[in-house]
Protein backbone atom coordinates (compact mmCIF):
# COMPACT_ATOMS: atom_id res chain seq x y z
CA UNK A 1 8.03 -53.70 27.46
CA UNK A 2 5.11 -53.69 29.95
CA UNK A 3 6.96 -51.04 31.96
CA UNK A 4 7.14 -48.83 28.87
CA UNK A 5 3.41 -49.26 28.20
CA UNK A 6 2.55 -48.46 31.83
CA UNK A 7 4.80 -45.40 31.80
CA UNK A 8 3.23 -44.26 28.53
CA UNK A 9 -0.23 -44.76 30.03
CA UNK A 10 0.71 -42.52 32.93
CA UNK A 11 2.06 -39.96 30.47
CA UNK A 12 -1.28 -39.94 28.64
CA UNK A 13 -3.25 -39.77 31.89
CA UNK A 14 -1.27 -36.91 33.40
CA UNK A 15 -1.00 -35.11 30.06
CA UNK A 16 -4.78 -35.07 29.81
CA UNK A 17 -5.14 -33.97 33.44
CA UNK A 18 -2.67 -31.11 32.97
CA UNK A 19 -4.32 -30.03 29.75
CA UNK A 20 -7.73 -29.85 31.44
CA UNK A 21 -6.26 -27.93 34.36
CA UNK A 22 -4.53 -25.41 32.05
CA UNK A 23 -7.34 -25.30 29.42
CA UNK A 24 -4.89 -26.22 26.66
CA UNK A 25 -4.13 -29.15 24.40
CA UNK A 26 -2.55 -32.30 25.83
CA UNK A 27 -0.15 -32.56 22.87
CA UNK A 28 2.71 -30.43 24.31
CA UNK A 29 2.68 -32.32 27.60
CA UNK A 30 2.55 -35.77 26.02
CA UNK A 31 5.12 -35.00 23.32
CA UNK A 32 7.65 -33.74 25.83
CA UNK A 33 7.07 -36.62 28.23
CA UNK A 34 7.45 -39.50 25.76
CA UNK A 35 10.92 -38.40 24.65
CA UNK A 36 12.75 -40.50 27.27
CA UNK A 37 10.58 -43.51 26.41
CA UNK A 38 11.47 -43.59 22.71
CA UNK A 39 13.44 -46.70 21.62
CA UNK A 40 16.55 -44.90 20.38
CA UNK A 41 19.07 -47.50 21.51
CA UNK A 42 17.13 -50.34 19.89
CA UNK A 43 17.08 -48.49 16.56
CA UNK A 44 20.78 -47.64 16.92
CA UNK A 45 21.76 -51.26 17.56
CA UNK A 46 19.54 -52.44 14.68
CA UNK A 47 21.27 -50.09 12.25
CA UNK A 48 24.68 -51.01 13.67
CA UNK A 49 23.98 -54.70 13.14
CA UNK A 50 22.76 -54.03 9.61
CA UNK A 51 26.02 -52.18 8.91
CA UNK A 52 27.97 -55.17 10.27
CA UNK A 53 25.95 -57.42 7.93
CA UNK A 54 24.33 -59.23 10.91
CA UNK A 55 20.81 -59.22 9.53
CA UNK A 56 19.18 -61.55 12.07
CA UNK A 57 20.39 -59.53 15.07
CA UNK A 58 19.51 -56.29 13.30
CA UNK A 59 15.97 -57.45 12.55
CA UNK A 60 15.54 -58.56 16.16
CA UNK A 61 16.59 -55.12 17.40
CA UNK A 62 14.40 -53.40 14.84
CA UNK A 63 11.36 -55.48 15.78
CA UNK A 64 12.01 -54.67 19.44
CA UNK A 65 12.08 -50.95 18.56
CA UNK A 66 8.80 -51.29 16.67
CA UNK A 67 7.22 -53.15 19.58
CA UNK A 68 8.35 -50.45 22.01
CA UNK A 69 6.97 -47.72 19.75
CA UNK A 70 3.66 -49.56 19.53
CA UNK A 71 3.58 -50.00 23.32
CA UNK A 72 4.15 -46.26 23.74
CA UNK A 73 1.35 -45.40 21.30
CA UNK A 74 -1.11 -47.79 22.93
CA UNK A 75 -0.17 -46.68 26.44
CA UNK A 76 -0.53 -42.97 25.70
CA UNK A 77 -3.90 -43.49 24.02
CA UNK A 78 -5.26 -45.70 26.81
CA UNK A 79 -4.08 -43.29 29.49
CA UNK A 80 -5.56 -40.33 27.67
CA UNK A 81 -8.89 -42.04 27.06
CA UNK A 82 -9.03 -43.20 30.68
CA UNK A 83 -8.63 -39.61 31.84
CA UNK A 84 -11.19 -38.35 29.34
CA UNK A 85 -13.68 -40.96 30.49
CA UNK A 86 -13.74 -39.57 34.03
CA UNK A 87 -13.16 -35.84 33.46
CA UNK A 88 -15.86 -33.28 32.78
CA UNK A 89 -15.38 -30.93 29.83
CA UNK A 90 -14.52 -27.47 31.18
CA UNK A 91 -17.02 -24.76 30.32
CA UNK A 92 -19.67 -27.28 29.33
CA UNK A 93 -22.56 -24.83 29.76
CA UNK A 94 -25.66 -25.22 27.66
CA UNK A 95 -28.51 -27.67 27.26
CA UNK A 96 -28.07 -31.27 28.23
CA UNK A 97 -27.22 -33.61 25.38
CA UNK A 98 -30.56 -35.41 25.62
CA UNK A 99 -32.54 -32.17 25.34
CA UNK A 100 -30.57 -31.05 22.30
CA UNK A 101 -31.06 -34.40 20.58
CA UNK A 102 -34.79 -34.40 21.32
CA UNK A 103 -35.21 -30.85 20.03
CA UNK A 104 -33.28 -31.69 16.86
CA UNK A 105 -35.14 -34.92 16.11
CA UNK A 106 -38.59 -33.39 16.74
CA UNK A 107 -37.98 -30.48 14.38
CA UNK A 108 -36.67 -32.75 11.64
CA UNK A 109 -39.45 -35.30 12.11
CA UNK A 110 -42.08 -32.60 11.62
CA UNK A 111 -41.12 -32.41 7.96
CA UNK A 112 -39.22 -29.15 8.06
CA UNK A 113 -36.83 -28.97 5.17
CA UNK A 114 -33.32 -27.73 5.67
CA UNK A 115 -33.92 -24.48 3.80
CA UNK A 116 -37.09 -23.48 5.65
CA UNK A 117 -35.73 -24.60 9.00
CA UNK A 118 -32.47 -22.66 8.57
CA UNK A 119 -34.31 -19.36 8.42
CA UNK A 120 -36.20 -19.98 11.66
CA UNK A 121 -33.57 -21.91 13.63
CA UNK A 122 -32.39 -19.87 16.63
CA UNK A 123 -29.65 -22.33 17.50
CA UNK A 124 -27.58 -22.23 14.31
CA UNK A 125 -26.26 -25.03 12.12
CA UNK A 126 -26.57 -27.68 14.84
CA UNK A 127 -30.35 -27.61 14.31
CA UNK A 128 -30.34 -28.18 10.52
CA UNK A 129 -32.25 -31.21 9.34
CA UNK A 130 -29.99 -31.78 6.38
CA UNK A 131 -26.27 -31.13 6.05
CA UNK A 132 -25.05 -28.05 4.20
CA UNK A 133 -24.29 -28.52 0.50
CA UNK A 134 -20.52 -28.54 1.09
CA UNK A 135 -20.71 -31.64 3.29
CA UNK A 136 -22.88 -33.65 0.86
CA UNK A 137 -20.04 -34.27 -1.58
CA UNK A 138 -18.76 -37.82 -1.88
């Protein structure tokens, strides 16, 4: 099972690297690469044992399949997040995050309401002090 988790981690890592290189989503790369890792034989043997009325063996095989699926999910997510932690977003032009936050907080702290600030905001909805009416619903 650790080998499956490590392989899934590498799938997530390289899927994220390829997606950044190609400027696309990582989903096609990861989906295609986890196919060989899926626990098909464990599910098959679990169902076979259930059909033979060997419930204990069937449950053991089914729990092994669930554990392998969980290891794949955790490995892919950890690999993907590891890659995202060290990679820069392509095309990340614009103001630094700190400058944008400071500009936003200073305009909202000055008492500008959302309606009056919307008319004068050159930077669009990201500068609104209050959320639009559609996002205020509970």
